[in-house]
Amino acid sequence: MPDHVRTADGRRLRIEVSGDPRGRPVFLLHGMPGSRVGPRPRSLFLYQRGARLISYDRPGYGGSDRRPGRRVADVAEDVAHVADALGLDRFAVVGRSGGGPHALACAALLPDRVTRAAAMVGLAPRDARGLNWFAGMAPSNVTEFRTALRDPERFAADMIPRSTRIRENPARLLEELREDLTADDRMIVSDNTVRSMLLRNYREALGTSPYGWIDDVLALTGSWGFDPASIRVPVLLWHGQMDVFSPASHAAWLAERIPRATAVLEPAAAHFASLRALPQVLDWLLSDWSAVTPRGARGPGRCAVPSWPAG
């Protein structure tokens, strides 16, 4: 099994495959900052579900070469390269946080290859008409995104030393976020297993460069390069009502525009609760659409309260 693939323009993409090597393929697109070694279900769970989970470092993160000026839409080309290298024709895709919009890009731009897609605690496009994009967002995120919009060079200059500090001590990022975490999220990230995965993830993400993170923010606040309304494959939008990093209004906006979307809203959950929900979302991705509409969810374009168990 290769640990990297080469794109048509010569870039290297570092990949990781876990679970059942003959299982049904699912791409897991990491958050921001993140990497291919980010949090995921245990291998035993993946084997039991017959799942083959494929992750890779987005350009500029970890072991993947940077792609300056990349847009969210560009992820589809990279995912297609990885799928081709692994001999995969059809696959599902899920993205968490900053990976959510990238999962939607794959659904929109690879409709003949993506069977279904899930976006968890993701964002809507910055130019989303009728959405107050910053409403309900933590002040730290507002400052970061607004700086990226108004002065990209200053934003990059600020992020370089911050990334260096976090690379040297990944726990700094969790400490930076702590004030904005709900009690439930604090409990989740305090779990020894989750914390270990997160710290390894952040260290790997920023180990060679700060530009994966910088380019992610610039891509998310710029033109995405596709219209979510053009997506025709089934989409699951999972969100926590208490999320202040990616407000739930973003998922509601997407749910109203993606024709085959079902939105699941957890009223007591926030951002990191998506880690607990990932196994159920993977079940949905791997099952027949008609048989697995999440309990408590209602039709396309609606937000609903699920009855999925936590944990």
C-alpha atoms as a PDB file:
ATOM      1  CA  MET A   1       0.000   0.000   0.000  1.00  0.00           C
ATOM      2  CA  PRO A   2       1.597   3.330  -1.021  1.00  0.00           C
ATOM      3  CA  ASP A   3       1.901   6.082   1.576  1.00  0.00           C
ATOM      4  CA  HIS A   4       1.652   8.831  -1.026  1.00  0.00           C
ATOM      5  CA  VAL A   5       0.449   9.482  -4.559  1.00  0.00           C
ATOM      6  CA  ARG A   6       1.579  11.945  -7.211  1.00  0.00           C
ATOM      7  CA  THR A   7      -0.845  14.321  -8.878  1.00  0.00           C
ATOM      8  CA  ALA A   8      -0.776  15.225 -12.557  1.00  0.00           C
ATOM      9  CA  ASP A   9       1.143  18.426 -11.756  1.00  0.00           C
ATOM     10  CA  GLY A  10       3.760  16.507  -9.779  1.00  0.00           C
ATOM     11  CA  ARG A  11       2.623  17.259  -6.219  1.00  0.00           C
ATOM     12  CA  ARG A  12       2.850  14.605  -3.538  1.00  0.00           C
ATOM     13  CA  LEU A  13      -0.199  13.766  -1.442  1.00  0.00           C
ATOM     14  CA  ARG A  14       0.438  11.776   1.731  1.00  0.00           C
ATOM     15  CA  ILE A  15      -2.272   9.183   2.341  1.00  0.00           C
ATOM     16  CA  GLU A  16      -3.319   6.719   5.018  1.00  0.00           C
ATOM     17  CA  VAL A  17      -5.730   3.797   4.721  1.00  0.00           C
ATOM     18  CA  SER A  18      -7.285   2.009   7.693  1.00  0.00           C
ATOM     19  CA  GLY A  19      -9.959  -0.575   8.329  1.00  0.00           C
ATOM     20  CA  ASP A  20     -10.920  -3.441   6.044  1.00  0.00           C
ATOM     21  CA  PRO A  21      -8.587  -3.413   2.994  1.00  0.00           C
ATOM     22  CA  ARG A  22     -11.379  -4.970   0.928  1.00  0.00           C
ATOM     23  CA  GLY A  23     -14.145  -2.905   2.473  1.00  0.00           C
ATOM     24  CA  ARG A  24     -16.363  -0.237   0.994  1.00  0.00           C
ATOM     25  CA  PRO A  25     -14.273   2.909   0.544  1.00  0.00           C
ATOM     26  CA  VAL A  26     -14.952   6.136   2.421  1.00  0.00           C
ATOM     27  CA  PHE A  27     -12.791   9.251   2.218  1.00  0.00           C
ATOM     28  CA  LEU A  28     -12.436  11.058   5.545  1.00  0.00           C
ATOM     29  CA  LEU A  29     -11.481  14.718   4.976  1.00  0.00           C
ATOM     30  CA  HIS A  30      -9.850  16.215   8.040  1.00  0.00           C
ATOM     31  CA  GLY A  31     -10.569  19.430   9.895  1.00  0.00           C
ATOM     32  CA  MET A  32      -8.593  22.661  10.194  1.00  0.00           C
ATOM     33  CA  PRO A  33      -5.801  22.411  11.152  1.00  0.00           C
ATOM     34  CA  GLY A  34      -5.656  18.682  10.557  1.00  0.00           C
ATOM     35  CA  SER A  35      -4.024  15.766   8.864  1.00  0.00           C
ATOM     36  CA  ARG A  36      -4.494  12.210   7.677  1.00  0.00           C
ATOM     37  CA  VAL A  37      -3.915  10.922  11.241  1.00  0.00           C
ATOM     38  CA  GLY A  38      -6.821  12.859  12.732  1.00  0.00           C
ATOM     39  CA  PRO A  39      -9.494  11.298  14.982  1.00  0.00           C
ATOM     40  CA  ARG A  40     -11.342   8.317  13.543  1.00  0.00           C
ATOM     41  CA  PRO A  41     -13.200   5.207  14.725  1.00  0.00           C
ATOM     42  CA  ARG A  42     -11.135   2.258  15.878  1.00  0.00           C
ATOM     43  CA  SER A  43      -9.992  -0.286  13.296  1.00  0.00           C
ATOM     44  CA  LEU A  44     -12.230  -2.950  14.871  1.00  0.00           C
ATOM     45  CA  PHE A  45     -15.291  -0.793  14.230  1.00  0.00           C
ATOM     46  CA  LEU A  46     -14.218  -0.262  10.616  1.00  0.00           C
ATOM     47  CA  TYR A  47     -13.647  -4.000  10.091  1.00  0.00           C
ATOM     48  CA  GLN A  48     -17.036  -4.822  11.601  1.00  0.00           C
ATOM     49  CA  ARG A  49     -18.710  -2.361   9.231  1.00  0.00           C
ATOM     50  CA  GLY A  50     -16.696  -3.519   6.230  1.00  0.00           C
ATOM     51  CA  ALA A  51     -15.298  -0.009   5.818  1.00  0.00           C
ATOM     52  CA  ARG A  52     -12.066   1.045   4.164  1.00  0.00           C
ATOM     53  CA  LEU A  53     -11.271   4.542   5.448  1.00  0.00           C
ATOM     54  CA  ILE A  54      -9.003   6.710   3.307  1.00  0.00           C
ATOM     55  CA  SER A  55      -7.458   9.927   4.587  1.00  0.00           C
ATOM     56  CA  TYR A  56      -4.888  12.253   3.114  1.00  0.00           C
ATOM     57  CA  ASP A  57      -3.183  15.499   4.061  1.00  0.00           C
ATOM     58  CA  ARG A  58      -4.678  18.429   2.175  1.00  0.00           C
ATOM     59  CA  PRO A  59      -1.997  20.414   0.311  1.00  0.00           C
ATOM     60  CA  GLY A  60       0.384  22.199   2.658  1.00  0.00           C
ATOM     61  CA  TYR A  61      -0.414  19.968   5.638  1.00  0.00           C
ATOM     62  CA  GLY A  62       1.739  17.126   6.937  1.00  0.00           C
ATOM     63  CA  GLY A  63       3.397  15.229   4.122  1.00  0.00           C
ATOM     64  CA  SER A  64       1.501  16.818   1.207  1.00  0.00           C
ATOM     65  CA  ASP A  65       3.009  19.453  -1.039  1.00  0.00           C
ATOM     66  CA  ARG A  66       1.443  22.886  -0.999  1.00  0.00           C
ATOM     67  CA  ARG A  67      -0.895  24.064  -3.766  1.00  0.00           C
ATOM     68  CA  PRO A  68      -0.762  27.898  -3.549  1.00  0.00           C
ATOM     69  CA  GLY A  69      -4.049  29.652  -4.244  1.00  0.00           C
ATOM     70  CA  ARG A  70      -6.105  26.492  -3.992  1.00  0.00           C
ATOM     71  CA  ARG A  71      -9.892  26.715  -3.789  1.00  0.00           C
ATOM     72  CA  VAL A  72     -12.263  24.408  -1.978  1.00  0.00           C
ATOM     73  CA  ALA A  73     -13.246  22.954  -5.369  1.00  0.00           C
ATOM     74  CA  ASP A  74      -9.691  21.794  -6.009  1.00  0.00           C
ATOM     75  CA  VAL A  75     -10.123  19.009  -3.476  1.00  0.00           C
ATOM     76  CA  ALA A  76     -12.146  17.031  -6.027  1.00  0.00           C
ATOM     77  CA  GLU A  77      -9.154  16.705  -8.330  1.00  0.00           C
ATOM     78  CA  ASP A  78      -6.907  15.522  -5.497  1.00  0.00           C
ATOM     79  CA  VAL A  79      -9.458  13.021  -4.188  1.00  0.00           C
ATOM     80  CA  ALA A  80      -9.866  11.670  -7.722  1.00  0.00           C
ATOM     81  CA  HIS A  81      -6.076  11.210  -7.984  1.00  0.00           C
ATOM     82  CA  VAL A  82      -5.977   9.280  -4.708  1.00  0.00           C
ATOM     83  CA  ALA A  83      -8.972   7.153  -5.719  1.00  0.00           C
ATOM     84  CA  ASP A  84      -7.358   6.356  -9.075  1.00  0.00           C
ATOM     85  CA  ALA A  85      -4.094   5.388  -7.390  1.00  0.00           C
ATOM     86  CA  LEU A  86      -5.997   3.002  -5.106  1.00  0.00           C
ATOM     87  CA  GLY A  87      -8.079   1.588  -7.966  1.00  0.00           C
ATOM     88  CA  LEU A  88     -11.367   2.960  -6.625  1.00  0.00           C
ATOM     89  CA  ASP A  89     -14.201   3.833  -8.967  1.00  0.00           C
ATOM     90  CA  ARG A  90     -16.948   4.712  -6.471  1.00  0.00           C
ATOM     91  CA  PHE A  91     -16.679   5.892  -2.878  1.00  0.00           C
ATOM     92  CA  ALA A  92     -18.399   7.873  -0.150  1.00  0.00           C
ATOM     93  CA  VAL A  93     -16.931  10.975   1.456  1.00  0.00           C
ATOM     94  CA  VAL A  94     -17.225  12.651   4.847  1.00  0.00           C
ATOM     95  CA  GLY A  95     -15.626  15.859   6.076  1.00  0.00           C
ATOM     96  CA  ARG A  96     -15.535  17.300   9.576  1.00  0.00           C
ATOM     97  CA  SER A  97     -15.255  21.023  10.363  1.00  0.00           C
ATOM     98  CA  GLY A  98     -12.975  22.539   7.692  1.00  0.00           C
ATOM     99  CA  GLY A  99     -13.268  19.257   5.811  1.00  0.00           C
ATOM    100  CA  GLY A 100     -17.056  19.635   5.504  1.00  0.00           C
ATOM    101  CA  PRO A 101     -17.050  22.097   2.577  1.00  0.00           C
ATOM    102  CA  HIS A 102     -14.428  19.935   0.877  1.00  0.00           C
ATOM    103  CA  ALA A 103     -16.696  16.893   1.165  1.00  0.00           C
ATOM    104  CA  LEU A 104     -19.495  18.915  -0.445  1.00  0.00           C
ATOM    105  CA  ALA A 105     -17.121  19.885  -3.265  1.00  0.00           C
ATOM    106  CA  CYS A 106     -16.493  16.204  -3.995  1.00  0.00           C
ATOM    107  CA  ALA A 107     -20.242  15.544  -4.053  1.00  0.00           C
ATOM    108  CA  ALA A 108     -20.808  18.436  -6.454  1.00  0.00           C
ATOM    109  CA  LEU A 109     -17.878  17.849  -8.794  1.00  0.00           C
ATOM    110  CA  LEU A 110     -17.547  14.052  -8.780  1.00  0.00           C
ATOM    111  CA  PRO A 111     -21.217  13.027  -9.105  1.00  0.00           C
ATOM    112  CA  ASP A 112     -20.414   9.831 -11.020  1.00  0.00           C
ATOM    113  CA  ARG A 113     -17.994   8.637  -8.344  1.00  0.00           C
ATOM    114  CA  VAL A 114     -19.357   9.858  -4.984  1.00  0.00           C
ATOM    115  CA  THR A 115     -22.160   7.621  -3.740  1.00  0.00           C
ATOM    116  CA  ARG A 116     -23.135   9.937  -0.878  1.00  0.00           C
ATOM    117  CA  ALA A 117     -21.514  12.602   1.252  1.00  0.00           C
ATOM    118  CA  ALA A 118     -21.635  13.912   4.805  1.00  0.00           C
ATOM    119  CA  ALA A 119     -20.536  17.284   6.146  1.00  0.00           C
ATOM    120  CA  MET A 120     -20.171  17.529   9.910  1.00  0.00           C
ATOM    121  CA  VAL A 121     -19.998  20.883  11.746  1.00  0.00           C
ATOM    122  CA  GLY A 122     -18.988  22.573   8.505  1.00  0.00           C
ATOM    123  CA  LEU A 123     -19.346  26.073   7.122  1.00  0.00           C
ATOM    124  CA  ALA A 124     -21.480  27.603   4.390  1.00  0.00           C
ATOM    125  CA  PRO A 125     -19.898  29.689   1.607  1.00  0.00           C
ATOM    126  CA  ARG A 126     -18.758  33.145   2.670  1.00  0.00           C
ATOM    127  CA  ASP A 127     -20.989  34.683  -0.033  1.00  0.00           C
ATOM    128  CA  ALA A 128     -24.082  32.741   1.116  1.00  0.00           C
ATOM    129  CA  ARG A 129     -27.022  34.991   0.311  1.00  0.00           C
ATOM    130  CA  GLY A 130     -29.347  35.603   3.240  1.00  0.00           C
ATOM    131  CA  LEU A 131     -26.928  34.200   5.838  1.00  0.00           C
ATOM    132  CA  ASN A 132     -25.247  36.356   8.483  1.00  0.00           C
ATOM    133  CA  TRP A 133     -22.016  34.400   8.176  1.00  0.00           C
ATOM    134  CA  PHE A 134     -20.468  35.600  11.448  1.00  0.00           C
ATOM    135  CA  ALA A 135     -23.588  35.403  13.610  1.00  0.00           C
ATOM    136  CA  GLY A 136     -23.091  33.085  16.573  1.00  0.00           C
ATOM    137  CA  MET A 137     -19.388  32.615  15.846  1.00  0.00           C
ATOM    138  CA  ALA A 138     -16.725  32.825  18.560  1.00  0.00           C
ATOM    139  CA  PRO A 139     -14.867  36.170  18.558  1.00  0.00           C
ATOM    140  CA  SER A 140     -11.538  34.423  17.924  1.00  0.00           C
ATOM    141  CA  ASN A 141     -12.881  32.857  14.728  1.00  0.00           C
ATOM    142  CA  VAL A 142     -14.485  36.130  13.636  1.00  0.00           C
ATOM    143  CA  THR A 143     -11.150  37.926  14.011  1.00  0.00           C
ATOM    144  CA  GLU A 144      -9.272  35.208  12.130  1.00  0.00           C
ATOM    145  CA  PHE A 145     -11.692  35.041   9.206  1.00  0.00           C
ATOM    146  CA  ARG A 146     -12.106  38.811   8.923  1.00  0.00           C
ATOM    147  CA  THR A 147      -8.349  39.344   8.860  1.00  0.00           C
ATOM    148  CA  ALA A 148      -8.054  36.727   6.109  1.00  0.00           C
ATOM    149  CA  LEU A 149     -10.729  38.547   4.123  1.00  0.00           C
ATOM    150  CA  ARG A 150      -9.373  42.069   4.558  1.00  0.00           C
ATOM    151  CA  ASP A 151      -5.624  41.528   4.651  1.00  0.00           C
ATOM    152  CA  PRO A 152      -4.463  38.055   3.556  1.00  0.00           C
ATOM    153  CA  GLU A 153      -0.779  38.967   3.861  1.00  0.00           C
ATOM    154  CA  ARG A 154      -1.190  40.107   7.465  1.00  0.00           C
ATOM    155  CA  PHE A 155      -3.235  36.996   8.201  1.00  0.00           C
ATOM    156  CA  ALA A 156      -0.443  34.756   6.883  1.00  0.00           C
ATOM    157  CA  ALA A 157       2.186  36.719   8.801  1.00  0.00           C
ATOM    158  CA  ASP A 158       0.223  36.239  12.033  1.00  0.00           C
ATOM    159  CA  MET A 159      -0.368  32.545  11.418  1.00  0.00           C
ATOM    160  CA  ILE A 160       3.258  31.580  10.800  1.00  0.00           C
ATOM    161  CA  PRO A 161       4.541  32.146  14.362  1.00  0.00           C
ATOM    162  CA  ARG A 162       1.271  30.839  15.845  1.00  0.00           C
ATOM    163  CA  SER A 163       1.659  27.611  13.868  1.00  0.00           C
ATOM    164  CA  THR A 164       5.249  27.282  15.058  1.00  0.00           C
ATOM    165  CA  ARG A 165       4.179  27.561  18.695  1.00  0.00           C
ATOM    166  CA  ILE A 166       1.439  24.963  18.229  1.00  0.00           C
ATOM    167  CA  ARG A 167       3.777  22.594  16.400  1.00  0.00           C
ATOM    168  CA  GLU A 168       6.179  22.771  19.335  1.00  0.00           C
ATOM    169  CA  ASN A 169       3.363  22.253  21.836  1.00  0.00           C
ATOM    170  CA  PRO A 170       0.089  21.075  20.219  1.00  0.00           C
ATOM    171  CA  ALA A 171      -1.740  21.367  23.547  1.00  0.00           C
ATOM    172  CA  ARG A 172      -1.566  25.147  23.062  1.00  0.00           C
ATOM    173  CA  LEU A 173      -4.325  24.941  20.474  1.00  0.00           C
ATOM    174  CA  LEU A 174      -6.707  23.193  22.843  1.00  0.00           C
ATOM    175  CA  GLU A 175      -5.880  25.798  25.477  1.00  0.00           C
ATOM    176  CA  GLU A 176      -6.612  28.586  22.982  1.00  0.00           C
ATOM    177  CA  LEU A 177     -10.008  27.029  22.267  1.00  0.00           C
ATOM    178  CA  ARG A 178     -10.890  26.157  25.854  1.00  0.00           C
ATOM    179  CA  GLU A 179     -12.715  29.384  26.710  1.00  0.00           C
ATOM    180  CA  ASP A 180     -15.164  28.841  23.833  1.00  0.00           C
ATOM    181  CA  LEU A 181     -15.773  25.149  24.518  1.00  0.00           C
ATOM    182  CA  THR A 182     -19.017  23.980  26.096  1.00  0.00           C
ATOM    183  CA  ALA A 183     -18.852  21.708  29.135  1.00  0.00           C
ATOM    184  CA  ASP A 184     -19.636  18.751  26.869  1.00  0.00           C
ATOM    185  CA  ASP A 185     -16.855  19.616  24.422  1.00  0.00           C
ATOM    186  CA  ARG A 186     -14.394  20.064  27.291  1.00  0.00           C
ATOM    187  CA  MET A 187     -15.258  16.597  28.507  1.00  0.00           C
ATOM    188  CA  ILE A 188     -14.748  15.142  25.032  1.00  0.00           C
ATOM    189  CA  VAL A 189     -11.321  16.704  24.455  1.00  0.00           C
ATOM    190  CA  SER A 190     -10.243  15.780  28.000  1.00  0.00           C
ATOM    191  CA  ASP A 191     -10.688  12.078  27.252  1.00  0.00           C
ATOM    192  CA  ASN A 192      -7.174  10.630  27.101  1.00  0.00           C
ATOM    193  CA  THR A 193      -7.723   8.782  23.827  1.00  0.00           C
ATOM    194  CA  VAL A 194      -9.331  11.737  22.054  1.00  0.00           C
ATOM    195  CA  ARG A 195      -6.774  14.188  23.400  1.00  0.00           C
ATOM    196  CA  SER A 196      -3.917  11.971  22.238  1.00  0.00           C
ATOM    197  CA  MET A 197      -5.409  11.744  18.744  1.00  0.00           C
ATOM    198  CA  LEU A 198      -5.945  15.490  18.559  1.00  0.00           C
ATOM    199  CA  LEU A 199      -2.424  16.363  19.699  1.00  0.00           C
ATOM    200  CA  ARG A 200      -0.887  13.913  17.237  1.00  0.00           C
ATOM    201  CA  ASN A 201      -3.136  15.341  14.548  1.00  0.00           C
ATOM    202  CA  TYR A 202      -2.102  18.962  15.176  1.00  0.00           C
ATOM    203  CA  ARG A 203       1.588  18.092  15.406  1.00  0.00           C
ATOM    204  CA  GLU A 204       1.483  16.214  12.105  1.00  0.00           C
ATOM    205  CA  ALA A 205      -0.608  18.911  10.403  1.00  0.00           C
ATOM    206  CA  LEU A 206       1.884  21.679  11.150  1.00  0.00           C
ATOM    207  CA  GLY A 207       5.038  19.579  11.196  1.00  0.00           C
ATOM    208  CA  THR A 208       6.477  20.850   7.921  1.00  0.00           C
ATOM    209  CA  SER A 209       4.584  24.029   7.106  1.00  0.00           C
ATOM    210  CA  PRO A 210       1.907  26.476   8.315  1.00  0.00           C
ATOM    211  CA  TYR A 211       0.501  26.831   4.820  1.00  0.00           C
ATOM    212  CA  GLY A 212      -2.065  24.054   4.925  1.00  0.00           C
ATOM    213  CA  TRP A 213      -3.864  25.999   7.657  1.00  0.00           C
ATOM    214  CA  ILE A 214      -3.319  29.370   5.988  1.00  0.00           C
ATOM    215  CA  ASP A 215      -4.530  28.124   2.608  1.00  0.00           C
ATOM    216  CA  ASP A 216      -7.556  26.410   4.186  1.00  0.00           C
ATOM    217  CA  VAL A 217      -8.749  29.678   5.738  1.00  0.00           C
ATOM    218  CA  LEU A 218      -8.188  31.606   2.523  1.00  0.00           C
ATOM    219  CA  ALA A 219     -10.034  28.938   0.525  1.00  0.00           C
ATOM    220  CA  LEU A 220     -12.990  28.813   2.922  1.00  0.00           C
ATOM    221  CA  THR A 221     -13.407  32.597   2.928  1.00  0.00           C
ATOM    222  CA  GLY A 222     -12.904  32.920  -0.831  1.00  0.00           C
ATOM    223  CA  SER A 223     -14.994  31.679  -3.721  1.00  0.00           C
ATOM    224  CA  TRP A 224     -15.474  27.939  -3.302  1.00  0.00           C
ATOM    225  CA  GLY A 225     -15.574  27.249  -7.030  1.00  0.00           C
ATOM    226  CA  PHE A 226     -18.861  25.319  -6.994  1.00  0.00           C
ATOM    227  CA  ASP A 227     -22.493  25.846  -6.018  1.00  0.00           C
ATOM    228  CA  PRO A 228     -23.814  23.586  -3.221  1.00  0.00           C
ATOM    229  CA  ALA A 229     -27.214  23.719  -4.923  1.00  0.00           C
ATOM    230  CA  SER A 230     -25.736  21.720  -7.811  1.00  0.00           C
ATOM    231  CA  ILE A 231     -25.191  18.639  -5.620  1.00  0.00           C
ATOM    232  CA  ARG A 232     -27.398  15.738  -6.682  1.00  0.00           C
ATOM    233  CA  VAL A 233     -26.124  12.880  -4.525  1.00  0.00           C
ATOM    234  CA  PRO A 234     -27.591  12.230  -1.045  1.00  0.00           C
ATOM    235  CA  VAL A 235     -26.007  14.452   1.594  1.00  0.00           C
ATOM    236  CA  LEU A 236     -26.138  14.305   5.388  1.00  0.00           C
ATOM    237  CA  LEU A 237     -25.472  17.525   7.289  1.00  0.00           C
ATOM    238  CA  TRP A 238     -24.667  16.868  10.957  1.00  0.00           C
ATOM    239  CA  HIS A 239     -24.391  19.795  13.362  1.00  0.00           C
ATOM    240  CA  GLY A 240     -24.443  20.680  17.037  1.00  0.00           C
ATOM    241  CA  GLN A 241     -26.764  23.529  17.994  1.00  0.00           C
ATOM    242  CA  MET A 242     -24.223  24.888  20.529  1.00  0.00           C
ATOM    243  CA  ASP A 243     -21.322  25.085  18.062  1.00  0.00           C
ATOM    244  CA  VAL A 244     -19.621  28.515  18.050  1.00  0.00           C
ATOM    245  CA  PHE A 245     -16.783  27.603  15.693  1.00  0.00           C
ATOM    246  CA  SER A 246     -19.120  26.644  12.844  1.00  0.00           C
ATOM    247  CA  PRO A 247     -22.571  27.998  13.788  1.00  0.00           C
ATOM    248  CA  ALA A 248     -25.565  25.742  13.148  1.00  0.00           C
ATOM    249  CA  SER A 249     -27.126  28.407  10.910  1.00  0.00           C
ATOM    250  CA  HIS A 250     -24.561  27.413   8.270  1.00  0.00           C
ATOM    251  CA  ALA A 251     -25.909  23.862   8.144  1.00  0.00           C
ATOM    252  CA  ALA A 252     -29.481  25.170   7.992  1.00  0.00           C
ATOM    253  CA  TRP A 253     -28.561  27.389   5.019  1.00  0.00           C
ATOM    254  CA  LEU A 254     -26.974  24.435   3.207  1.00  0.00           C
ATOM    255  CA  ALA A 255     -29.923  22.165   3.996  1.00  0.00           C
ATOM    256  CA  GLU A 256     -32.315  24.553   2.300  1.00  0.00           C
ATOM    257  CA  ARG A 257     -30.251  24.562  -0.897  1.00  0.00           C
ATOM    258  CA  ILE A 258     -28.877  21.061  -1.403  1.00  0.00           C
ATOM    259  CA  PRO A 259     -31.706  19.123  -3.066  1.00  0.00           C
ATOM    260  CA  ARG A 260     -31.086  15.728  -1.431  1.00  0.00           C
ATOM    261  CA  ALA A 261     -29.818  16.905   1.943  1.00  0.00           C
ATOM    262  CA  THR A 262     -31.008  15.710   5.312  1.00  0.00           C
ATOM    263  CA  ALA A 263     -29.887  17.830   8.249  1.00  0.00           C
ATOM    264  CA  VAL A 264     -29.452  16.369  11.714  1.00  0.00           C
ATOM    265  CA  LEU A 265     -29.257  18.900  14.536  1.00  0.00           C
ATOM    266  CA  GLU A 266     -28.109  17.814  18.013  1.00  0.00           C
ATOM    267  CA  PRO A 267     -29.593  20.409  20.424  1.00  0.00           C
ATOM    268  CA  ALA A 268     -27.110  19.888  23.274  1.00  0.00           C
ATOM    269  CA  ALA A 269     -24.016  19.252  21.162  1.00  0.00           C
ATOM    270  CA  ALA A 270     -21.236  21.576  20.022  1.00  0.00           C
ATOM    271  CA  HIS A 271     -18.194  21.248  17.765  1.00  0.00           C
ATOM    272  CA  PHE A 272     -16.228  18.285  19.108  1.00  0.00           C
ATOM    273  CA  ALA A 273     -19.353  16.172  19.621  1.00  0.00           C
ATOM    274  CA  SER A 274     -18.987  15.391  15.931  1.00  0.00           C
ATOM    275  CA  LEU A 275     -16.237  12.953  16.942  1.00  0.00           C
ATOM    276  CA  ARG A 276     -18.821  10.902  18.850  1.00  0.00           C
ATOM    277  CA  ALA A 277     -21.271  11.035  15.946  1.00  0.00           C
ATOM    278  CA  LEU A 278     -18.787   9.927  13.283  1.00  0.00           C
ATOM    279  CA  PRO A 279     -19.466   6.178  13.682  1.00  0.00           C
ATOM    280  CA  GLN A 280     -23.195   6.692  13.056  1.00  0.00           C
ATOM    281  CA  VAL A 281     -22.464   8.919  10.090  1.00  0.00           C
ATOM    282  CA  LEU A 282     -20.199   6.231   8.656  1.00  0.00           C
ATOM    283  CA  ASP A 283     -23.038   3.732   9.071  1.00  0.00           C
ATOM    284  CA  TRP A 284     -25.237   6.062   7.038  1.00  0.00           C
ATOM    285  CA  LEU A 285     -22.617   6.482   4.336  1.00  0.00           C
ATOM    286  CA  LEU A 286     -22.218   2.715   3.978  1.00  0.00           C
ATOM    287  CA  SER A 287     -25.905   1.800   3.982  1.00  0.00           C
ATOM    288  CA  ASP A 288     -28.727   1.999   1.486  1.00  0.00           C
ATOM    289  CA  TRP A 289     -30.180   5.535   1.457  1.00  0.00           C
ATOM    290  CA  SER A 290     -33.810   4.411   1.751  1.00  0.00           C
ATOM    291  CA  ALA A 291     -33.021   2.266   4.787  1.00  0.00           C
ATOM    292  CA  VAL A 292     -30.886   4.629   6.787  1.00  0.00           C
ATOM    293  CA  THR A 293     -32.520   8.044   6.939  1.00  0.00           C
ATOM    294  CA  PRO A 294     -31.404   8.975  10.488  1.00  0.00           C
ATOM    295  CA  ARG A 295     -34.052   8.413  13.120  1.00  0.00           C
ATOM    296  CA  GLY A 296     -35.663  11.743  13.889  1.00  0.00           C
ATOM    297  CA  ALA A 297     -34.612  13.321  10.583  1.00  0.00           C
ATOM    298  CA  ARG A 298     -37.221  14.557   8.157  1.00  0.00           C
ATOM    299  CA  GLY A 299     -36.982  14.828   4.409  1.00  0.00           C
ATOM    300  CA  PRO A 300     -34.580  16.855   2.295  1.00  0.00           C
ATOM    301  CA  GLY A 301     -33.853  20.392   3.358  1.00  0.00           C
ATOM    302  CA  ARG A 302     -35.168  20.076   6.918  1.00  0.00           C
ATOM    303  CA  CYS A 303     -33.398  20.357  10.253  1.00  0.00           C
ATOM    304  CA  ALA A 304     -34.429  17.722  12.752  1.00  0.00           C
ATOM    305  CA  VAL A 305     -33.556  16.492  16.232  1.00  0.00           C
ATOM    306  CA  PRO A 306     -32.051  12.970  16.011  1.00  0.00           C
ATOM    307  CA  SER A 307     -32.409  10.112  18.423  1.00  0.00           C
ATOM    308  CA  TRP A 308     -28.952   8.735  17.779  1.00  0.00           C
ATOM    309  CA  PRO A 309     -27.287   7.633  21.000  1.00  0.00           C
ATOM    310  CA  ALA A 310     -24.214   9.515  22.125  1.00  0.00           C
ATOM    311  CA  GLY A 311     -20.918   7.722  22.399  1.00  0.00           C
END
